[in-house]
C-alpha atoms as a PDB file:
ATOM      1  CA  MET A   1      -0.052  -0.392  -0.261  1.00  0.00           C
ATOM      2  CA  LEU A   2       1.166   3.736  -0.983  1.00  0.00           C
ATOM      3  CA  ASN A   3       0.819   6.807   1.349  1.00  0.00           C
ATOM      4  CA  LEU A   4      -1.094  10.064  -0.244  1.00  0.00           C
ATOM      5  CA  GLU A   5       2.105  11.510  -0.098  1.00  0.00           C
ATOM      6  CA  ARG A   6       3.535   8.871  -2.510  1.00  0.00           C
ATOM      7  CA  GLY A   7       0.342   8.506  -4.556  1.00  0.00           C
ATOM      8  CA  LYS A   8       0.395  12.468  -4.941  1.00  0.00           C
ATOM      9  CA  LYS A   9       4.206  12.277  -6.038  1.00  0.00           C
ATOM     10  CA  LEU A  10       2.616   9.701  -8.621  1.00  0.00           C
ATOM     11  CA  VAL A  11       0.575  11.935  -9.808  1.00  0.00           C
ATOM     12  CA  LYS A  12       2.477  14.721 -10.137  1.00  0.00           C
ATOM     13  CA  LEU A  13       5.009  12.690 -12.600  1.00  0.00           C
ATOM     14  CA  ALA A  14       2.605  11.494 -14.809  1.00  0.00           C
ATOM     15  CA  ARG A  15       1.229  15.426 -15.479  1.00  0.00           C
ATOM     16  CA  ALA A  16       5.576  16.519 -15.717  1.00  0.00           C
ATOM     17  CA  ALA A  17       5.749  13.819 -17.926  1.00  0.00           C
ATOM     18  CA  VAL A  18       3.072  15.043 -21.043  1.00  0.00           C
ATOM     19  CA  GLU A  19       3.511  18.249 -20.519  1.00  0.00           C
ATOM     20  CA  ASN A  20       7.119  18.300 -20.581  1.00  0.00           C
ATOM     21  CA  CYS A  21       6.272  16.411 -24.047  1.00  0.00           C
ATOM     22  CA  PHE A  22       5.718  20.253 -24.947  1.00  0.00           C
ATOM     23  CA  LYS A  23       8.478  21.525 -23.654  1.00  0.00           C
ATOM     24  CA  SER A  24      11.314  19.552 -24.996  1.00  0.00           C
ATOM     25  CA  LYS A  25       9.602  17.112 -27.790  1.00  0.00           C
ATOM     26  CA  LYS A  26      10.507  13.961 -25.781  1.00  0.00           C
ATOM     27  CA  LEU A  27      10.281  11.721 -22.668  1.00  0.00           C
ATOM     28  CA  VAL A  28      12.245  12.653 -19.851  1.00  0.00           C
ATOM     29  CA  ILE A  29      12.050  10.147 -17.183  1.00  0.00           C
ATOM     30  CA  GLU A  30      12.124  11.966 -13.722  1.00  0.00           C
ATOM     31  CA  LYS A  31      14.256   9.668 -11.217  1.00  0.00           C
ATOM     32  CA  THR A  32      14.134   9.324  -7.274  1.00  0.00           C
ATOM     33  CA  GLY A  33      15.670   7.766  -4.156  1.00  0.00           C
ATOM     34  CA  ASP A  34      12.218   6.870  -2.953  1.00  0.00           C
ATOM     35  CA  LYS A  35      12.934   2.977  -2.942  1.00  0.00           C
ATOM     36  CA  ILE A  36       9.232   2.480  -3.146  1.00  0.00           C
ATOM     37  CA  LEU A  37       8.337   4.002  -5.490  1.00  0.00           C
ATOM     38  CA  ASN A  38      11.476   2.540  -7.416  1.00  0.00           C
ATOM     39  CA  GLU A  39       9.779  -0.878  -6.780  1.00  0.00           C
ATOM     40  CA  LYS A  40       8.823  -2.186 -10.192  1.00  0.00           C
ATOM     41  CA  ARG A  41       5.126  -2.628 -10.182  1.00  0.00           C
ATOM     42  CA  GLY A  42       1.834  -2.925 -12.550  1.00  0.00           C
ATOM     43  CA  VAL A  43       0.194   1.090 -13.219  1.00  0.00           C
ATOM     44  CA  PHE A  44      -2.300   2.099 -15.163  1.00  0.00           C
ATOM     45  CA  VAL A  45      -2.683   5.975 -16.264  1.00  0.00           C
ATOM     46  CA  THR A  46      -5.962   7.403 -16.882  1.00  0.00           C
ATOM     47  CA  ILE A  47      -6.860  10.906 -18.209  1.00  0.00           C
ATOM     48  CA  GLU A  48     -10.045  12.522 -18.349  1.00  0.00           C
ATOM     49  CA  THR A  49     -11.323  15.848 -19.507  1.00  0.00           C
ATOM     50  CA  TYR A  50     -12.743  18.412 -17.215  1.00  0.00           C
ATOM     51  CA  PRO A  51     -14.815  18.837 -15.599  1.00  0.00           C
ATOM     52  CA  ALA A  52     -17.186  16.574 -17.320  1.00  0.00           C
ATOM     53  CA  LYS A  53     -15.263  13.503 -16.512  1.00  0.00           C
ATOM     54  CA  LYS A  54     -14.467  11.691 -20.029  1.00  0.00           C
ATOM     55  CA  LEU A  55     -11.833   9.153 -20.906  1.00  0.00           C
ATOM     56  CA  ARG A  56      -9.182  11.079 -23.163  1.00  0.00           C
ATOM     57  CA  GLY A  57      -6.753   8.010 -22.765  1.00  0.00           C
ATOM     58  CA  CYS A  58      -5.925   5.253 -21.051  1.00  0.00           C
ATOM     59  CA  ILE A  59      -2.547   2.927 -21.229  1.00  0.00           C
ATOM     60  CA  GLY A  60      -0.450   1.037 -18.311  1.00  0.00           C
ATOM     61  CA  TYR A  61       1.336  -1.879 -17.478  1.00  0.00           C
ATOM     62  CA  PRO A  62      -0.739  -4.919 -16.636  1.00  0.00           C
ATOM     63  CA  TYR A  63       2.400  -6.706 -14.691  1.00  0.00           C
ATOM     64  CA  ALA A  64       5.223  -5.119 -12.904  1.00  0.00           C
ATOM     65  CA  VAL A  65       7.851  -4.884 -15.091  1.00  0.00           C
ATOM     66  CA  LEU A  66       8.848  -1.228 -14.730  1.00  0.00           C
ATOM     67  CA  PRO A  67       9.992   0.635 -11.397  1.00  0.00           C
ATOM     68  CA  LEU A  68       7.053   2.563 -10.968  1.00  0.00           C
ATOM     69  CA  TYR A  69       8.049   6.003 -10.782  1.00  0.00           C
ATOM     70  CA  GLU A  70       9.312   5.072 -14.423  1.00  0.00           C
ATOM     71  CA  ALA A  71       6.366   2.809 -15.423  1.00  0.00           C
ATOM     72  CA  VAL A  72       3.968   5.804 -14.373  1.00  0.00           C
ATOM     73  CA  GLN A  73       5.765   8.682 -16.480  1.00  0.00           C
ATOM     74  CA  ARG A  74       5.517   5.633 -19.677  1.00  0.00           C
ATOM     75  CA  ALA A  75       2.026   5.192 -19.235  1.00  0.00           C
ATOM     76  CA  SER A  76       1.001   8.778 -19.116  1.00  0.00           C
ATOM     77  CA  ARG A  77       3.128  10.274 -22.277  1.00  0.00           C
ATOM     78  CA  ALA A  78       1.096   6.856 -23.878  1.00  0.00           C
ATOM     79  CA  SER A  79      -1.891   7.684 -22.634  1.00  0.00           C
ATOM     80  CA  ALA A  80      -1.744  10.963 -23.620  1.00  0.00           C
ATOM     81  CA  PHE A  81      -0.381  10.679 -27.161  1.00  0.00           C
ATOM     82  CA  GLU A  82      -0.922   7.029 -28.273  1.00  0.00           C
ATOM     83  CA  ASP A  83      -4.049   5.275 -26.756  1.00  0.00           C
ATOM     84  CA  ALA A  84      -5.754   4.762 -30.729  1.00  0.00           C
ATOM     85  CA  ARG A  85      -8.977   5.400 -29.596  1.00  0.00           C
ATOM     86  CA  PHE A  86      -8.160   9.387 -29.251  1.00  0.00           C
ATOM     87  CA  ASN A  87      -6.118  11.853 -30.686  1.00  0.00           C
ATOM     88  CA  PRO A  88      -3.208  12.468 -29.843  1.00  0.00           C
ATOM     89  CA  LEU A  89      -3.402  15.860 -26.803  1.00  0.00           C
ATOM     90  CA  LYS A  90      -3.007  18.958 -27.293  1.00  0.00           C
ATOM     91  CA  LYS A  91      -0.582  21.573 -25.294  1.00  0.00           C
ATOM     92  CA  GLU A  92      -4.098  23.706 -25.065  1.00  0.00           C
ATOM     93  CA  GLU A  93      -6.086  20.921 -22.858  1.00  0.00           C
ATOM     94  CA  LEU A  94      -3.366  20.644 -20.544  1.00  0.00           C
ATOM     95  CA  ASP A  95      -5.855  22.756 -18.297  1.00  0.00           C
ATOM     96  CA  ASP A  96      -8.735  20.720 -19.189  1.00  0.00           C
ATOM     97  CA  ILE A  97      -7.975  17.290 -18.220  1.00  0.00           C
ATOM     98  CA  ILE A  98      -6.803  15.715 -14.741  1.00  0.00           C
ATOM     99  CA  PHE A  99      -4.853  12.839 -14.501  1.00  0.00           C
ATOM    100  CA  GLU A 100      -5.515   9.795 -12.329  1.00  0.00           C
ATOM    101  CA  VAL A 101      -2.785   6.598 -11.547  1.00  0.00           C
ATOM    102  CA  SER A 102      -4.194   3.751 -10.625  1.00  0.00           C
ATOM    103  CA  VAL A 103      -0.949   1.014  -8.663  1.00  0.00           C
ATOM    104  CA  LEU A 104      -1.935  -2.595  -9.425  1.00  0.00           C
ATOM    105  CA  THR A 105      -1.408  -5.938  -7.712  1.00  0.00           C
ATOM    106  CA  VAL A 106      -0.362  -8.489  -8.506  1.00  0.00           C
ATOM    107  CA  PRO A 107      -2.890  -9.831 -11.360  1.00  0.00           C
ATOM    108  CA  LYS A 108      -4.227 -13.246 -10.019  1.00  0.00           C
ATOM    109  CA  PRO A 109      -6.174 -16.653 -11.929  1.00  0.00           C
ATOM    110  CA  ILE A 110      -9.273 -16.671 -11.474  1.00  0.00           C
ATOM    111  CA  GLN A 111      -9.529 -20.726 -10.343  1.00  0.00           C
ATOM    112  CA  VAL A 112     -12.983 -21.937 -11.362  1.00  0.00           C
ATOM    113  CA  LYS A 113     -14.365 -25.678 -12.748  1.00  0.00           C
ATOM    114  CA  ASP A 114     -17.175 -24.001 -14.982  1.00  0.00           C
ATOM    115  CA  PRO A 115     -17.250 -20.431 -16.106  1.00  0.00           C
ATOM    116  CA  LYS A 116     -20.455 -19.540 -14.263  1.00  0.00           C
ATOM    117  CA  GLU A 117     -18.888 -19.459 -11.547  1.00  0.00           C
ATOM    118  CA  TYR A 118     -16.954 -16.355 -12.536  1.00  0.00           C
ATOM    119  CA  THR A 119     -19.977 -13.996 -10.830  1.00  0.00           C
ATOM    120  CA  ASP A 120     -19.295 -15.212  -7.508  1.00  0.00           C
ATOM    121  CA  LYS A 121     -15.471 -14.431  -7.181  1.00  0.00           C
ATOM    122  CA  ILE A 122     -15.825 -11.310  -8.465  1.00  0.00           C
ATOM    123  CA  GLU A 123     -16.323  -8.103  -6.613  1.00  0.00           C
ATOM    124  CA  ILE A 124     -17.282  -4.668  -8.493  1.00  0.00           C
ATOM    125  CA  GLY A 125     -15.755  -1.824  -7.486  1.00  0.00           C
ATOM    126  CA  LYS A 126     -12.391  -3.290  -5.461  1.00  0.00           C
ATOM    127  CA  ASP A 127     -11.492  -6.024  -8.464  1.00  0.00           C
ATOM    128  CA  GLY A 128     -10.037  -5.485 -12.063  1.00  0.00           C
ATOM    129  CA  LEU A 129      -9.748  -8.181 -14.953  1.00  0.00           C
ATOM    130  CA  VAL A 130      -7.623  -9.044 -17.214  1.00  0.00           C
ATOM    131  CA  LEU A 131      -8.918 -11.943 -20.085  1.00  0.00           C
ATOM    132  CA  GLN A 132      -6.855 -13.610 -22.157  1.00  0.00           C
ATOM    133  CA  ASN A 133      -7.546 -16.561 -25.163  1.00  0.00           C
ATOM    134  CA  GLY A 134      -5.145 -17.100 -27.843  1.00  0.00           C
ATOM    135  CA  PRO A 135      -3.711 -13.993 -29.093  1.00  0.00           C
ATOM    136  CA  PHE A 136      -7.131 -11.529 -27.523  1.00  0.00           C
ATOM    137  CA  SER A 137      -6.447 -10.188 -24.566  1.00  0.00           C
ATOM    138  CA  GLY A 138      -7.917  -7.506 -22.773  1.00  0.00           C
ATOM    139  CA  LEU A 139      -8.089  -5.052 -19.319  1.00  0.00           C
ATOM    140  CA  LEU A 140     -10.164  -2.700 -17.255  1.00  0.00           C
ATOM    141  CA  LEU A 141      -9.735  -1.046 -14.099  1.00  0.00           C
ATOM    142  CA  PRO A 142     -11.643  -2.083 -10.879  1.00  0.00           C
ATOM    143  CA  GLN A 143     -13.095   1.418 -11.595  1.00  0.00           C
ATOM    144  CA  VAL A 144     -14.846   1.046 -14.852  1.00  0.00           C
ATOM    145  CA  ALA A 145     -17.528  -1.189 -13.224  1.00  0.00           C
ATOM    146  CA  THR A 146     -18.716   1.321 -11.004  1.00  0.00           C
ATOM    147  CA  GLU A 147     -18.348   4.194 -13.047  1.00  0.00           C
ATOM    148  CA  PHE A 148     -20.899   2.428 -15.738  1.00  0.00           C
ATOM    149  CA  ASN A 149     -22.399   0.389 -12.564  1.00  0.00           C
ATOM    150  CA  TRP A 150     -22.101  -2.623 -14.142  1.00  0.00           C
ATOM    151  CA  ASP A 151     -22.732  -6.049 -12.724  1.00  0.00           C
ATOM    152  CA  VAL A 152     -20.484  -9.095 -12.395  1.00  0.00           C
ATOM    153  CA  GLU A 153     -22.029 -10.376 -16.125  1.00  0.00           C
ATOM    154  CA  GLU A 154     -22.106  -6.947 -17.984  1.00  0.00           C
ATOM    155  CA  PHE A 155     -18.409  -6.843 -16.604  1.00  0.00           C
ATOM    156  CA  LEU A 156     -17.501  -9.475 -17.859  1.00  0.00           C
ATOM    157  CA  GLU A 157     -19.507  -8.734 -21.392  1.00  0.00           C
ATOM    158  CA  ASN A 158     -17.296  -5.555 -21.595  1.00  0.00           C
ATOM    159  CA  LEU A 159     -13.810  -7.151 -20.441  1.00  0.00           C
ATOM    160  CA  CYS A 160     -14.745 -10.063 -23.933  1.00  0.00           C
ATOM    161  CA  TYR A 161     -15.438  -6.759 -25.902  1.00  0.00           C
ATOM    162  CA  LYS A 162     -12.225  -4.882 -24.981  1.00  0.00           C
ATOM    163  CA  ALA A 163     -10.796  -8.080 -25.788  1.00  0.00           C
ATOM    164  CA  GLY A 164     -11.738  -7.983 -28.886  1.00  0.00           C
ATOM    165  CA  LEU A 165     -14.239 -11.006 -28.336  1.00  0.00           C
ATOM    166  CA  THR A 166     -17.879 -10.981 -27.892  1.00  0.00           C
ATOM    167  CA  PRO A 167     -19.332 -12.154 -23.990  1.00  0.00           C
ATOM    168  CA  GLU A 168     -19.945 -16.268 -25.219  1.00  0.00           C
ATOM    169  CA  TRP A 169     -16.054 -16.133 -24.890  1.00  0.00           C
ATOM    170  CA  ILE A 170     -16.588 -16.543 -21.528  1.00  0.00           C
ATOM    171  CA  TYR A 171     -17.598 -19.611 -21.646  1.00  0.00           C
ATOM    172  CA  ASP A 172     -14.909 -21.013 -24.074  1.00  0.00           C
ATOM    173  CA  LYS A 173     -12.227 -23.635 -22.178  1.00  0.00           C
ATOM    174  CA  ASN A 174      -9.190 -21.486 -23.649  1.00  0.00           C
ATOM    175  CA  THR A 175      -9.942 -18.765 -21.910  1.00  0.00           C
ATOM    176  CA  ARG A 176      -8.290 -17.362 -18.749  1.00  0.00           C
ATOM    177  CA  ILE A 177      -9.244 -15.068 -16.346  1.00  0.00           C
ATOM    178  CA  TRP A 178      -7.180 -13.087 -13.720  1.00  0.00           C
ATOM    179  CA  LYS A 179      -8.487  -9.909 -11.214  1.00  0.00           C
ATOM    180  CA  PHE A 180      -6.201  -6.955  -9.827  1.00  0.00           C
ATOM    181  CA  GLN A 181      -6.620  -4.947  -6.709  1.00  0.00           C
ATOM    182  CA  ALA A 182      -6.157  -0.757  -7.641  1.00  0.00           C
ATOM    183  CA  GLN A 183      -4.585   1.850  -5.061  1.00  0.00           C
ATOM    184  CA  ILE A 184      -5.983   4.664  -7.258  1.00  0.00           C
ATOM    185  CA  PHE A 185      -4.814   8.665  -6.356  1.00  0.00           C
ATOM    186  CA  SER A 186      -6.082  11.604  -9.150  1.00  0.00           C
ATOM    187  CA  GLU A 187      -6.843  15.231  -9.210  1.00  0.00           C
ATOM    188  CA  LYS A 188      -9.579  16.949  -8.280  1.00  0.00           C
ATOM    189  CA  ASP A 189      -9.192  19.518 -10.500  1.00  0.00           C
ATOM    190  CA  PRO A 190      -6.882  20.723 -13.189  1.00  0.00           C
ATOM    191  CA  ARG A 191      -3.155  20.706 -11.876  1.00  0.00           C
ATOM    192  CA  GLY A 192      -5.073  20.538  -8.238  1.00  0.00           C
ATOM    193  CA  GLU A 193      -5.497  18.562  -5.083  1.00  0.00           C
ATOM    194  CA  VAL A 194      -4.323  14.929  -5.489  1.00  0.00           C
ATOM    195  CA  THR A 195      -6.809  12.683  -3.617  1.00  0.00           C
ATOM    196  CA  GLU A 196      -6.993   8.584  -2.879  1.00  0.00           C
ATOM    197  CA  THR A 197     -10.593   6.676  -4.483  1.00  0.00           C
ATOM    198  CA  ASP A 198     -12.181   4.186  -2.661  1.00  0.00           C
END
């Protein structure tokens, strides 16, 4: 678990990584001596419009492949400029967006004998999900189900869509699903106070 001060640091790193790209045109990784932030962790950076809170970009690392401070900065830049669902962020948008950092636990496989058991093993608002079937994969953060008021079945359906599959693939014998939790830190308003959300 990260304390709020470290959460604030990560959100500031996320915003700075994007703002600095408009100055230097390249990603300059800001380092930190904080041992906790140097640990490898999975993380996603979400950019939303303010005050409408519409998604503007979201990219990250499901698994712990980079030190947390570096993963946040790389994910932030990718969310701003490389999310294929959106046009690259423009400099004039910086005052109208908020940054959210989700630090992930290690995804753990959900063990079931029958896919119908998934609904009993997933908690809305707490669990995020990863699905994989051959070359198809998708991830949804815990807060997504809450934001859209999905139940577990709708969460699983949309996880399939995210992976480029239709909902019946939940029942395919080659489908694997993992769950994880996230600590979420976000700006209340552009460049504003950073809080941890439940």
